[in-house]
Amino acid sequence: MEVAAVGVFDSLRKKRKGGQGQVRGSSKQDTTHLDDWASSRQGVEAYVEPRTHVTQTTVLLVAHDGEWTRRRIASPEAAADFARKRKMPLYEVERVGYPKRMREYQARQKRERGH
């Protein structure tokens, strides 16, 4: 008897029409969201997160108060272009980690929700 190995996330990666798994790429809407978000906040910095088995390369934007948002981006080079055009610093999460203010913001939000 032959048994097929099934990964936990296999069904999440399948194309809508079936077939092999595929990671969703970035879209114009992703970039538009990042632009809109960054333009409405102060002191925004960009952090590029590497591609994984289940997620494409992403950009994490963090404001001065720790508020943050994340969206897919085509590549690390596209992340660098995005940050350069908007004159914001870009950091590699794998090298510098996540900013302390982001963790503190998340903790404040959790306390305010009563969790």
PDB file of N, CA and C in Angstrom:
ATOM      1  N   MET A   1       0.845  -1.174   0.000  1.00  0.00           N
ATOM      2  CA  MET A   1       0.000   0.000   0.000  1.00  0.00           C
ATOM      3  C   MET A   1       0.889   1.235   0.000  1.00  0.00           C
ATOM      4  N   GLU A   2       0.587   2.190  -0.849  1.00  0.00           N
ATOM      5  CA  GLU A   2       1.361   3.420  -0.946  1.00  0.00           C
ATOM      6  C   GLU A   2       0.593   4.545  -0.265  1.00  0.00           C
ATOM      7  N   VAL A   3       1.268   5.288   0.615  1.00  0.00           N
ATOM      8  CA  VAL A   3       0.630   6.379   1.348  1.00  0.00           C
ATOM      9  C   VAL A   3       1.233   7.695   0.868  1.00  0.00           C
ATOM     10  N   ALA A   4       0.385   8.631   0.516  1.00  0.00           N
ATOM     11  CA  ALA A   4       0.844   9.949   0.077  1.00  0.00           C
ATOM     12  C   ALA A   4       1.007  10.859   1.284  1.00  0.00           C
ATOM     13  N   ALA A   5       2.120  11.554   1.345  1.00  0.00           N
ATOM     14  CA  ALA A   5       2.349  12.518   2.417  1.00  0.00           C
ATOM     15  C   ALA A   5       1.624  13.817   2.071  1.00  0.00           C
ATOM     16  N   VAL A   6       0.906  14.337   3.036  1.00  0.00           N
ATOM     17  CA  VAL A   6       0.161  15.581   2.838  1.00  0.00           C
ATOM     18  C   VAL A   6       0.647  16.582   3.865  1.00  0.00           C
ATOM     19  N   GLY A   7       1.083  17.745   3.385  1.00  0.00           N
ATOM     20  CA  GLY A   7       1.527  18.800   4.285  1.00  0.00           C
ATOM     21  C   GLY A   7       0.350  19.542   4.887  1.00  0.00           C
ATOM     22  N   VAL A   8       0.573  20.111   6.039  1.00  0.00           N
ATOM     23  CA  VAL A   8      -0.469  20.835   6.749  1.00  0.00           C
ATOM     24  C   VAL A   8      -1.030  21.981   5.913  1.00  0.00           C
ATOM     25  N   PHE A   9      -0.162  22.687   5.153  1.00  0.00           N
ATOM     26  CA  PHE A   9      -0.594  23.860   4.420  1.00  0.00           C
ATOM     27  C   PHE A   9      -0.852  23.592   2.938  1.00  0.00           C
ATOM     28  N   ASP A  10      -0.803  22.332   2.505  1.00  0.00           N
ATOM     29  CA  ASP A  10      -0.983  22.019   1.087  1.00  0.00           C
ATOM     30  C   ASP A  10      -2.279  22.587   0.520  1.00  0.00           C
ATOM     31  N   SER A  11      -3.364  22.445   1.242  1.00  0.00           N
ATOM     32  CA  SER A  11      -4.645  22.924   0.718  1.00  0.00           C
ATOM     33  C   SER A  11      -4.676  24.440   0.610  1.00  0.00           C
ATOM     34  N   LEU A  12      -3.917  25.133   1.457  1.00  0.00           N
ATOM     35  CA  LEU A  12      -3.885  26.591   1.399  1.00  0.00           C
ATOM     36  C   LEU A  12      -3.114  27.105   0.192  1.00  0.00           C
ATOM     37  N   ARG A  13      -2.183  26.297  -0.301  1.00  0.00           N
ATOM     38  CA  ARG A  13      -1.334  26.738  -1.402  1.00  0.00           C
ATOM     39  C   ARG A  13      -1.855  26.322  -2.766  1.00  0.00           C
ATOM     40  N   LYS A  14      -2.873  25.523  -2.820  1.00  0.00           N
ATOM     41  CA  LYS A  14      -3.354  25.039  -4.113  1.00  0.00           C
ATOM     42  C   LYS A  14      -3.964  26.174  -4.912  1.00  0.00           C
ATOM     43  N   LYS A  15      -3.768  26.096  -6.209  1.00  0.00           N
ATOM     44  CA  LYS A  15      -4.401  27.070  -7.090  1.00  0.00           C
ATOM     45  C   LYS A  15      -5.902  26.883  -7.040  1.00  0.00           C
ATOM     46  N   ARG A  16      -6.645  27.908  -7.384  1.00  0.00           N
ATOM     47  CA  ARG A  16      -8.103  27.813  -7.357  1.00  0.00           C
ATOM     48  C   ARG A  16      -8.614  26.702  -8.256  1.00  0.00           C
ATOM     49  N   LYS A  17      -7.937  26.461  -9.362  1.00  0.00           N
ATOM     50  CA  LYS A  17      -8.378  25.441 -10.309  1.00  0.00           C
ATOM     51  C   LYS A  17      -7.701  24.107 -10.045  1.00  0.00           C
ATOM     52  N   GLY A  18      -7.027  23.983  -8.916  1.00  0.00           N
ATOM     53  CA  GLY A  18      -6.338  22.741  -8.595  1.00  0.00           C
ATOM     54  C   GLY A  18      -4.894  22.783  -9.069  1.00  0.00           C
ATOM     55  N   GLY A  19      -4.156  21.731  -8.782  1.00  0.00           N
ATOM     56  CA  GLY A  19      -2.771  21.671  -9.227  1.00  0.00           C
ATOM     57  C   GLY A  19      -1.809  21.919  -8.086  1.00  0.00           C
ATOM     58  N   GLN A  20      -0.572  22.222  -8.434  1.00  0.00           N
ATOM     59  CA  GLN A  20       0.479  22.428  -7.454  1.00  0.00           C
ATOM     60  C   GLN A  20       0.267  23.722  -6.685  1.00  0.00           C
ATOM     61  N   GLY A  21       0.807  23.773  -5.483  1.00  0.00           N
ATOM     62  CA  GLY A  21       0.692  24.957  -4.644  1.00  0.00           C
ATOM     63  C   GLY A  21       1.420  26.143  -5.241  1.00  0.00           C
ATOM     64  N   GLN A  22       0.930  27.313  -4.924  1.00  0.00           N
ATOM     65  CA  GLN A  22       1.538  28.538  -5.428  1.00  0.00           C
ATOM     66  C   GLN A  22       1.341  29.636  -4.403  1.00  0.00           C
ATOM     67  N   VAL A  23       2.386  30.407  -4.143  1.00  0.00           N
ATOM     68  CA  VAL A  23       2.309  31.528  -3.226  1.00  0.00           C
ATOM     69  C   VAL A  23       1.748  32.719  -3.987  1.00  0.00           C
ATOM     70  N   ARG A  24       0.746  33.402  -3.405  1.00  0.00           N
ATOM     71  CA  ARG A  24       0.156  34.564  -4.067  1.00  0.00           C
ATOM     72  C   ARG A  24       1.182  35.669  -4.155  1.00  0.00           C
ATOM     73  N   GLY A  25       1.285  36.282  -5.315  1.00  0.00           N
ATOM     74  CA  GLY A  25       2.215  37.377  -5.532  1.00  0.00           C
ATOM     75  C   GLY A  25       1.676  38.699  -5.033  1.00  0.00           C
ATOM     76  N   SER A  26       2.533  39.699  -5.082  1.00  0.00           N
ATOM     77  CA  SER A  26       2.113  41.036  -4.680  1.00  0.00           C
ATOM     78  C   SER A  26       1.236  41.636  -5.771  1.00  0.00           C
ATOM     79  N   SER A  27       0.479  42.643  -5.391  1.00  0.00           N
ATOM     80  CA  SER A  27      -0.425  43.275  -6.342  1.00  0.00           C
ATOM     81  C   SER A  27      -0.336  44.793  -6.217  1.00  0.00           C
ATOM     82  N   LYS A  28      -0.947  45.469  -7.140  1.00  0.00           N
ATOM     83  CA  LYS A  28      -1.022  46.931  -7.109  1.00  0.00           C
ATOM     84  C   LYS A  28      -1.735  47.382  -5.832  1.00  0.00           C
ATOM     85  N   GLN A  29      -2.738  46.615  -5.409  1.00  0.00           N
ATOM     86  CA  GLN A  29      -3.461  46.957  -4.185  1.00  0.00           C
ATOM     87  C   GLN A  29      -2.547  46.909  -2.954  1.00  0.00           C
ATOM     88  N   ASP A  30      -1.603  45.969  -2.951  1.00  0.00           N
ATOM     89  CA  ASP A  30      -0.648  45.892  -1.839  1.00  0.00           C
ATOM     90  C   ASP A  30       0.181  47.173  -1.768  1.00  0.00           C
ATOM     91  N   THR A  31       0.715  47.592  -2.903  1.00  0.00           N
ATOM     92  CA  THR A  31       1.539  48.804  -2.948  1.00  0.00           C
ATOM     93  C   THR A  31       0.715  50.035  -2.608  1.00  0.00           C
ATOM     94  N   THR A  32      -0.498  50.089  -3.110  1.00  0.00           N
ATOM     95  CA  THR A  32      -1.378  51.222  -2.812  1.00  0.00           C
ATOM     96  C   THR A  32      -1.649  51.305  -1.314  1.00  0.00           C
ATOM     97  N   HIS A  33      -1.917  50.163  -0.687  1.00  0.00           N
ATOM     98  CA  HIS A  33      -2.143  50.148   0.764  1.00  0.00           C
ATOM     99  C   HIS A  33      -0.918  50.684   1.503  1.00  0.00           C
ATOM    100  N   LEU A  34       0.270  50.201   1.126  1.00  0.00           N
ATOM    101  CA  LEU A  34       1.498  50.653   1.783  1.00  0.00           C
ATOM    102  C   LEU A  34       1.690  52.155   1.607  1.00  0.00           C
ATOM    103  N   ASP A  35       1.461  52.668   0.406  1.00  0.00           N
ATOM    104  CA  ASP A  35       1.575  54.112   0.142  1.00  0.00           C
ATOM    105  C   ASP A  35       0.617  54.911   1.007  1.00  0.00           C
ATOM    106  N   ASP A  36      -0.648  54.508   0.993  1.00  0.00           N
ATOM    107  CA  ASP A  36      -1.670  55.222   1.757  1.00  0.00           C
ATOM    108  C   ASP A  36      -1.365  55.203   3.245  1.00  0.00           C
ATOM    109  N   TRP A  37      -0.959  54.040   3.730  1.00  0.00           N
ATOM    110  CA  TRP A  37      -0.672  53.886   5.154  1.00  0.00           C
ATOM    111  C   TRP A  37       0.504  54.773   5.549  1.00  0.00           C
ATOM    112  N   ALA A  38       1.593  54.697   4.780  1.00  0.00           N
ATOM    113  CA  ALA A  38       2.805  55.464   5.110  1.00  0.00           C
ATOM    114  C   ALA A  38       2.562  56.971   5.051  1.00  0.00           C
ATOM    115  N   SER A  39       1.760  57.405   4.099  1.00  0.00           N
ATOM    116  CA  SER A  39       1.534  58.847   3.945  1.00  0.00           C
ATOM    117  C   SER A  39       0.650  59.421   5.055  1.00  0.00           C
ATOM    118  N   SER A  40      -0.021  58.567   5.814  1.00  0.00           N
ATOM    119  CA  SER A  40      -0.902  59.047   6.870  1.00  0.00           C
ATOM    120  C   SER A  40      -0.305  58.867   8.270  1.00  0.00           C
ATOM    121  N   ARG A  41       0.978  58.507   8.340  1.00  0.00           N
ATOM    122  CA  ARG A  41       1.637  58.313   9.622  1.00  0.00           C
ATOM    123  C   ARG A  41       2.987  59.011   9.660  1.00  0.00           C
ATOM    124  N   GLN A  42       3.493  59.229  10.868  1.00  0.00           N
ATOM    125  CA  GLN A  42       4.776  59.894  11.081  1.00  0.00           C
ATOM    126  C   GLN A  42       5.892  58.873  11.315  1.00  0.00           C
ATOM    127  N   GLY A  43       7.098  59.219  10.898  1.00  0.00           N
ATOM    128  CA  GLY A  43       8.282  58.437  11.228  1.00  0.00           C
ATOM    129  C   GLY A  43       8.252  56.994  10.769  1.00  0.00           C
ATOM    130  N   VAL A  44       7.753  56.743   9.573  1.00  0.00           N
ATOM    131  CA  VAL A  44       7.610  55.372   9.088  1.00  0.00           C
ATOM    132  C   VAL A  44       8.949  54.810   8.607  1.00  0.00           C
ATOM    133  N   GLU A  45       9.233  53.594   9.046  1.00  0.00           N
ATOM    134  CA  GLU A  45      10.399  52.838   8.594  1.00  0.00           C
ATOM    135  C   GLU A  45       9.915  51.548   7.953  1.00  0.00           C
ATOM    136  N   ALA A  46      10.684  51.038   6.999  1.00  0.00           N
ATOM    137  CA  ALA A  46      10.325  49.811   6.294  1.00  0.00           C
ATOM    138  C   ALA A  46      11.258  48.679   6.720  1.00  0.00           C
ATOM    139  N   TYR A  47      10.676  47.498   6.852  1.00  0.00           N
ATOM    140  CA  TYR A  47      11.422  46.288   7.189  1.00  0.00           C
ATOM    141  C   TYR A  47      11.060  45.232   6.161  1.00  0.00           C
ATOM    142  N   VAL A  48      12.061  44.689   5.486  1.00  0.00           N
ATOM    143  CA  VAL A  48      11.788  43.647   4.491  1.00  0.00           C
ATOM    144  C   VAL A  48      11.903  42.289   5.171  1.00  0.00           C
ATOM    145  N   GLU A  49      10.887  41.459   4.921  1.00  0.00           N
ATOM    146  CA  GLU A  49      10.848  40.109   5.467  1.00  0.00           C
ATOM    147  C   GLU A  49      11.032  39.130   4.307  1.00  0.00           C
ATOM    148  N   PRO A  50      11.876  38.128   4.473  1.00  0.00           N
ATOM    149  CA  PRO A  50      12.173  37.218   3.367  1.00  0.00           C
ATOM    150  C   PRO A  50      11.005  36.318   2.995  1.00  0.00           C
ATOM    151  N   ARG A  51      11.051  35.842   1.792  1.00  0.00           N
ATOM    152  CA  ARG A  51      10.073  34.870   1.304  1.00  0.00           C
ATOM    153  C   ARG A  51      10.204  33.598   2.134  1.00  0.00           C
ATOM    154  N   THR A  52       9.063  32.960   2.381  1.00  0.00           N
ATOM    155  CA  THR A  52       9.054  31.670   3.072  1.00  0.00           C
ATOM    156  C   THR A  52       8.336  30.672   2.176  1.00  0.00           C
ATOM    157  N   HIS A  53       8.111  29.472   2.683  1.00  0.00           N
ATOM    158  CA  HIS A  53       7.396  28.456   1.900  1.00  0.00           C
ATOM    159  C   HIS A  53       5.935  28.834   1.668  1.00  0.00           C
ATOM    160  N   VAL A  54       5.383  29.652   2.544  1.00  0.00           N
ATOM    161  CA  VAL A  54       3.955  29.983   2.438  1.00  0.00           C
ATOM    162  C   VAL A  54       3.676  31.454   2.156  1.00  0.00           C
ATOM    163  N   THR A  55       4.687  32.312   2.218  1.00  0.00           N
ATOM    164  CA  THR A  55       4.481  33.741   2.014  1.00  0.00           C
ATOM    165  C   THR A  55       5.579  34.316   1.132  1.00  0.00           C
ATOM    166  N   GLN A  56       5.170  35.170   0.212  1.00  0.00           N
ATOM    167  CA  GLN A  56       6.133  35.878  -0.618  1.00  0.00           C
ATOM    168  C   GLN A  56       6.876  36.906   0.235  1.00  0.00           C
ATOM    169  N   THR A  57       7.895  37.529  -0.311  1.00  0.00           N
ATOM    170  CA  THR A  57       8.604  38.602   0.366  1.00  0.00           C
ATOM    171  C   THR A  57       7.584  39.658   0.789  1.00  0.00           C
ATOM    172  N   THR A  58       7.735  40.169   2.001  1.00  0.00           N
ATOM    173  CA  THR A  58       6.821  41.193   2.494  1.00  0.00           C
ATOM    174  C   THR A  58       7.578  42.405   2.990  1.00  0.00           C
ATOM    175  N   VAL A  59       6.851  43.529   3.030  1.00  0.00           N
ATOM    176  CA  VAL A  59       7.373  44.753   3.621  1.00  0.00           C
ATOM    177  C   VAL A  59       6.501  45.063   4.827  1.00  0.00           C
ATOM    178  N   LEU A  60       7.147  45.286   5.940  1.00  0.00           N
ATOM    179  CA  LEU A  60       6.491  45.676   7.172  1.00  0.00           C
ATOM    180  C   LEU A  60       6.804  47.152   7.365  1.00  0.00           C
ATOM    181  N   LEU A  61       5.774  47.988   7.474  1.00  0.00           N
ATOM    182  CA  LEU A  61       5.971  49.404   7.759  1.00  0.00           C
ATOM    183  C   LEU A  61       5.631  49.641   9.219  1.00  0.00           C
ATOM    184  N   VAL A  62       6.507  50.363   9.913  1.00  0.00           N
ATOM    185  CA  VAL A  62       6.309  50.648  11.333  1.00  0.00           C
ATOM    186  C   VAL A  62       6.393  52.157  11.538  1.00  0.00           C
ATOM    187  N   ALA A  63       5.342  52.729  12.138  1.00  0.00           N
ATOM    188  CA  ALA A  63       5.290  54.163  12.418  1.00  0.00           C
ATOM    189  C   ALA A  63       6.034  54.469  13.720  1.00  0.00           C
ATOM    190  N   HIS A  64       6.181  55.768  14.008  1.00  0.00           N
ATOM    191  CA  HIS A  64       6.929  56.195  15.190  1.00  0.00           C
ATOM    192  C   HIS A  64       6.361  55.652  16.497  1.00  0.00           C
ATOM    193  N   ASP A  65       5.048  55.417  16.542  1.00  0.00           N
ATOM    194  CA  ASP A  65       4.412  54.941  17.771  1.00  0.00           C
ATOM    195  C   ASP A  65       4.322  53.422  17.857  1.00  0.00           C
ATOM    196  N   GLY A  66       4.820  52.717  16.830  1.00  0.00           N
ATOM    197  CA  GLY A  66       4.815  51.263  16.832  1.00  0.00           C
ATOM    198  C   GLY A  66       3.677  50.653  16.038  1.00  0.00           C
ATOM    199  N   GLU A  67       2.713  51.478  15.603  1.00  0.00           N
ATOM    200  CA  GLU A  67       1.651  50.952  14.751  1.00  0.00           C
ATOM    201  C   GLU A  67       2.299  50.398  13.494  1.00  0.00           C
ATOM    202  N   TRP A  68       1.732  49.323  12.936  1.00  0.00           N
ATOM    203  CA  TRP A  68       2.388  48.679  11.807  1.00  0.00           C
ATOM    204  C   TRP A  68       1.383  48.090  10.830  1.00  0.00           C
ATOM    205  N   THR A  69       1.889  47.825   9.621  1.00  0.00           N
ATOM    206  CA  THR A  69       1.135  47.117   8.604  1.00  0.00           C
ATOM    207  C   THR A  69       2.116  46.307   7.774  1.00  0.00           C
ATOM    208  N   ARG A  70       1.599  45.273   7.122  1.00  0.00           N
ATOM    209  CA  ARG A  70       2.459  44.384   6.329  1.00  0.00           C
ATOM    210  C   ARG A  70       1.729  44.021   5.044  1.00  0.00           C
ATOM    211  N   ARG A  71       2.485  44.001   3.937  1.00  0.00           N
ATOM    212  CA  ARG A  71       1.926  43.577   2.651  1.00  0.00           C
ATOM    213  C   ARG A  71       3.013  42.877   1.842  1.00  0.00           C
ATOM    214  N   ARG A  72       2.574  42.080   0.881  1.00  0.00           N
ATOM    215  CA  ARG A  72       3.499  41.402  -0.027  1.00  0.00           C
ATOM    216  C   ARG A  72       4.154  42.416  -0.953  1.00  0.00           C
ATOM    217  N   ILE A  73       5.357  42.049  -1.386  1.00  0.00           N
ATOM    218  CA  ILE A  73       6.076  42.850  -2.377  1.00  0.00           C
ATOM    219  C   ILE A  73       6.829  41.878  -3.275  1.00  0.00           C
ATOM    220  N   ALA A  74       7.109  42.286  -4.498  1.00  0.00           N
ATOM    221  CA  ALA A  74       7.655  41.368  -5.503  1.00  0.00           C
ATOM    222  C   ALA A  74       9.000  40.747  -5.116  1.00  0.00           C
ATOM    223  N   SER A  75       9.876  41.521  -4.471  1.00  0.00           N
ATOM    224  CA  SER A  75      11.221  41.027  -4.165  1.00  0.00           C
ATOM    225  C   SER A  75      11.889  41.965  -3.164  1.00  0.00           C
ATOM    226  N   PRO A  76      13.023  41.544  -2.602  1.00  0.00           N
ATOM    227  CA  PRO A  76      13.777  42.466  -1.743  1.00  0.00           C
ATOM    228  C   PRO A  76      14.199  43.734  -2.499  1.00  0.00           C
ATOM    229  N   GLU A  77      14.505  43.585  -3.771  1.00  0.00           N
ATOM    230  CA  GLU A  77      14.884  44.749  -4.576  1.00  0.00           C
ATOM    231  C   GLU A  77      13.705  45.710  -4.738  1.00  0.00           C
ATOM    232  N   ALA A  78      12.502  45.160  -4.922  1.00  0.00           N
ATOM    233  CA  ALA A  78      11.300  45.992  -5.024  1.00  0.00           C
ATOM    234  C   ALA A  78      11.050  46.709  -3.698  1.00  0.00           C
ATOM    235  N   ALA A  79      11.343  46.053  -2.589  1.00  0.00           N
ATOM    236  CA  ALA A  79      11.202  46.686  -1.275  1.00  0.00           C
ATOM    237  C   ALA A  79      12.173  47.854  -1.154  1.00  0.00           C
ATOM    238  N   ALA A  80      13.405  47.656  -1.618  1.00  0.00           N
ATOM    239  CA  ALA A  80      14.400  48.729  -1.578  1.00  0.00           C
ATOM    240  C   ALA A  80      13.959  49.907  -2.447  1.00  0.00           C
ATOM    241  N   ASP A  81      13.428  49.632  -3.625  1.00  0.00           N
ATOM    242  CA  ASP A  81      12.922  50.693  -4.504  1.00  0.00           C
ATOM    243  C   ASP A  81      11.775  51.445  -3.839  1.00  0.00           C
ATOM    244  N   PHE A  82      10.851  50.699  -3.236  1.00  0.00           N
ATOM    245  CA  PHE A  82       9.709  51.304  -2.549  1.00  0.00           C
ATOM    246  C   PHE A  82      10.197  52.287  -1.483  1.00  0.00           C
ATOM    247  N   ALA A  83      11.107  51.834  -0.631  1.00  0.00           N
ATOM    248  CA  ALA A  83      11.610  52.669   0.460  1.00  0.00           C
ATOM    249  C   ALA A  83      12.409  53.862  -0.064  1.00  0.00           C
ATOM    250  N   ARG A  84      13.244  53.647  -1.053  1.00  0.00           N
ATOM    251  CA  ARG A  84      14.065  54.720  -1.605  1.00  0.00           C
ATOM    252  C   ARG A  84      13.192  55.831  -2.201  1.00  0.00           C
ATOM    253  N   LYS A  85      12.182  55.454  -2.959  1.00  0.00           N
ATOM    254  CA  LYS A  85      11.294  56.446  -3.586  1.00  0.00           C
ATOM    255  C   LYS A  85      10.537  57.272  -2.551  1.00  0.00           C
ATOM    256  N   ARG A  86      10.315  56.700  -1.377  1.00  0.00           N
ATOM    257  CA  ARG A  86       9.566  57.391  -0.339  1.00  0.00           C
ATOM    258  C   ARG A  86      10.473  57.962   0.744  1.00  0.00           C
ATOM    259  N   LYS A  87      11.772  57.867   0.490  1.00  0.00           N
ATOM    260  CA  LYS A  87      12.783  58.413   1.406  1.00  0.00           C
ATOM    261  C   LYS A  87      12.622  57.898   2.842  1.00  0.00           C
ATOM    262  N   MET A  88      12.373  56.585   2.941  1.00  0.00           N
ATOM    263  CA  MET A  88      12.276  55.985   4.270  1.00  0.00           C
ATOM    264  C   MET A  88      13.375  54.939   4.425  1.00  0.00           C
ATOM    265  N   PRO A  89      13.875  54.774   5.636  1.00  0.00           N
ATOM    266  CA  PRO A  89      14.899  53.756   5.855  1.00  0.00           C
ATOM    267  C   PRO A  89      14.325  52.353   5.664  1.00  0.00           C
ATOM    268  N   LEU A  90      15.169  51.455   5.197  1.00  0.00           N
ATOM    269  CA  LEU A  90      14.783  50.062   4.995  1.00  0.00           C
ATOM    270  C   LEU A  90      15.760  49.175   5.744  1.00  0.00           C
ATOM    271  N   TYR A  91      15.222  48.255   6.515  1.00  0.00           N
ATOM    272  CA  TYR A  91      16.027  47.316   7.289  1.00  0.00           C
ATOM    273  C   TYR A  91      15.640  45.888   6.919  1.00  0.00           C
ATOM    274  N   GLU A  92      16.577  44.978   7.065  1.00  0.00           N
ATOM    275  CA  GLU A  92      16.298  43.559   6.867  1.00  0.00           C
ATOM    276  C   GLU A  92      15.977  42.958   8.232  1.00  0.00           C
ATOM    277  N   VAL A  93      14.774  42.418   8.373  1.00  0.00           N
ATOM    278  CA  VAL A  93      14.338  41.840   9.643  1.00  0.00           C
ATOM    279  C   VAL A  93      15.303  40.755  10.111  1.00  0.00           C
ATOM    280  N   GLU A  94      15.809  39.958   9.186  1.00  0.00           N
ATOM    281  CA  GLU A  94      16.724  38.875   9.580  1.00  0.00           C
ATOM    282  C   GLU A  94      18.000  39.409  10.218  1.00  0.00           C
ATOM    283  N   ARG A  95      18.382  40.628   9.891  1.00  0.00           N
ATOM    284  CA  ARG A  95      19.616  41.205  10.442  1.00  0.00           C
ATOM    285  C   ARG A  95      19.379  42.020  11.701  1.00  0.00           C
ATOM    286  N   VAL A  96      18.299  42.810  11.718  1.00  0.00           N
ATOM    287  CA  VAL A  96      18.104  43.745  12.830  1.00  0.00           C
ATOM    288  C   VAL A  96      16.960  43.363  13.768  1.00  0.00           C
ATOM    289  N   GLY A  97      16.122  42.423  13.366  1.00  0.00           N
ATOM    290  CA  GLY A  97      14.968  42.059  14.184  1.00  0.00           C
ATOM    291  C   GLY A  97      13.849  43.084  14.052  1.00  0.00           C
ATOM    292  N   TYR A  98      12.783  42.870  14.809  1.00  0.00           N
ATOM    293  CA  TYR A  98      11.639  43.774  14.795  1.00  0.00           C
ATOM    294  C   TYR A  98      11.867  44.885  15.818  1.00  0.00           C
ATOM    295  N   PRO A  99      11.392  46.082  15.523  1.00  0.00           N
ATOM    296  CA  PRO A  99      11.635  47.188  16.457  1.00  0.00           C
ATOM    297  C   PRO A  99      10.860  47.026  17.771  1.00  0.00           C
ATOM    298  N   LYS A 100      11.490  47.452  18.856  1.00  0.00           N
ATOM    299  CA  LYS A 100      10.897  47.351  20.181  1.00  0.00           C
ATOM    300  C   LYS A 100       9.562  48.087  20.239  1.00  0.00           C
ATOM    301  N   ARG A 101       9.462  49.239  19.569  1.00  0.00           N
ATOM    302  CA  ARG A 101       8.226  50.020  19.629  1.00  0.00           C
ATOM    303  C   ARG A 101       7.044  49.263  19.028  1.00  0.00           C
ATOM    304  N   MET A 102       7.317  48.372  18.076  1.00  0.00           N
ATOM    305  CA  MET A 102       6.260  47.558  17.477  1.00  0.00           C
ATOM    306  C   MET A 102       5.731  46.546  18.507  1.00  0.00           C
ATOM    307  N   ARG A 103       6.636  45.900  19.199  1.00  0.00           N
ATOM    308  CA  ARG A 103       6.227  44.938  20.235  1.00  0.00           C
ATOM    309  C   ARG A 103       5.463  45.642  21.357  1.00  0.00           C
ATOM    310  N   GLU A 104       5.927  46.843  21.726  1.00  0.00           N
ATOM    311  CA  GLU A 104       5.253  47.606  22.772  1.00  0.00           C
ATOM    312  C   GLU A 104       3.856  48.038  22.319  1.00  0.00           C
ATOM    313  N   TYR A 105       3.712  48.414  21.051  1.00  0.00           N
ATOM    314  CA  TYR A 105       2.410  48.791  20.502  1.00  0.00           C
ATOM    315  C   TYR A 105       1.448  47.603  20.568  1.00  0.00           C
ATOM    316  N   GLN A 106       1.933  46.437  20.174  1.00  0.00           N
ATOM    317  CA  GLN A 106       1.091  45.239  20.216  1.00  0.00           C
ATOM    318  C   GLN A 106       0.661  44.924  21.648  1.00  0.00           C
ATOM    319  N   ALA A 107       1.564  45.073  22.597  1.00  0.00           N
ATOM    320  CA  ALA A 107       1.235  44.815  24.003  1.00  0.00           C
ATOM    321  C   ALA A 107       0.185  45.811  24.495  1.00  0.00           C
ATOM    322  N   ARG A 108       0.307  47.095  24.122  1.00  0.00           N
ATOM    323  CA  ARG A 108      -0.689  48.106  24.504  1.00  0.00           C
ATOM    324  C   ARG A 108      -2.057  47.765  23.928  1.00  0.00           C
ATOM    325  N   GLN A 109      -2.069  47.375  22.654  1.00  0.00           N
ATOM    326  CA  GLN A 109      -3.341  47.029  22.002  1.00  0.00           C
ATOM    327  C   GLN A 109      -4.001  45.851  22.706  1.00  0.00           C
ATOM    328  N   LYS A 110      -3.205  44.868  23.066  1.00  0.00           N
ATOM    329  CA  LYS A 110      -3.737  43.689  23.755  1.00  0.00           C
ATOM    330  C   LYS A 110      -4.320  44.068  25.116  1.00  0.00           C
ATOM    331  N   ARG A 111      -3.609  44.927  25.870  1.00  0.00           N
ATOM    332  CA  ARG A 111      -4.104  45.371  27.169  1.00  0.00           C
ATOM    333  C   ARG A 111      -5.413  46.159  27.017  1.00  0.00           C
ATOM    334  N   GLU A 112      -5.475  47.027  26.008  1.00  0.00           N
ATOM    335  CA  GLU A 112      -6.668  47.842  25.792  1.00  0.00           C
ATOM    336  C   GLU A 112      -7.881  46.987  25.408  1.00  0.00           C
ATOM    337  N   ARG A 113      -7.647  45.868  24.750  1.00  0.00           N
ATOM    338  CA  ARG A 113      -8.740  44.961  24.393  1.00  0.00           C
ATOM    339  C   ARG A 113      -9.138  44.070  25.561  1.00  0.00           C
ATOM    340  N   GLY A 114      -8.354  44.124  26.640  1.00  0.00           N
ATOM    341  CA  GLY A 114      -8.670  43.344  27.836  1.00  0.00           C
ATOM    342  C   GLY A 114      -8.273  41.882  27.744  1.00  0.00           C
ATOM    343  N   HIS A 115      -7.252  41.589  26.958  1.00  0.00           N
ATOM    344  CA  HIS A 115      -6.807  40.184  26.810  1.00  0.00           C
ATOM    345  C   HIS A 115      -5.612  39.942  27.669  1.00  0.00           C
TER     346      HIS A 115
END
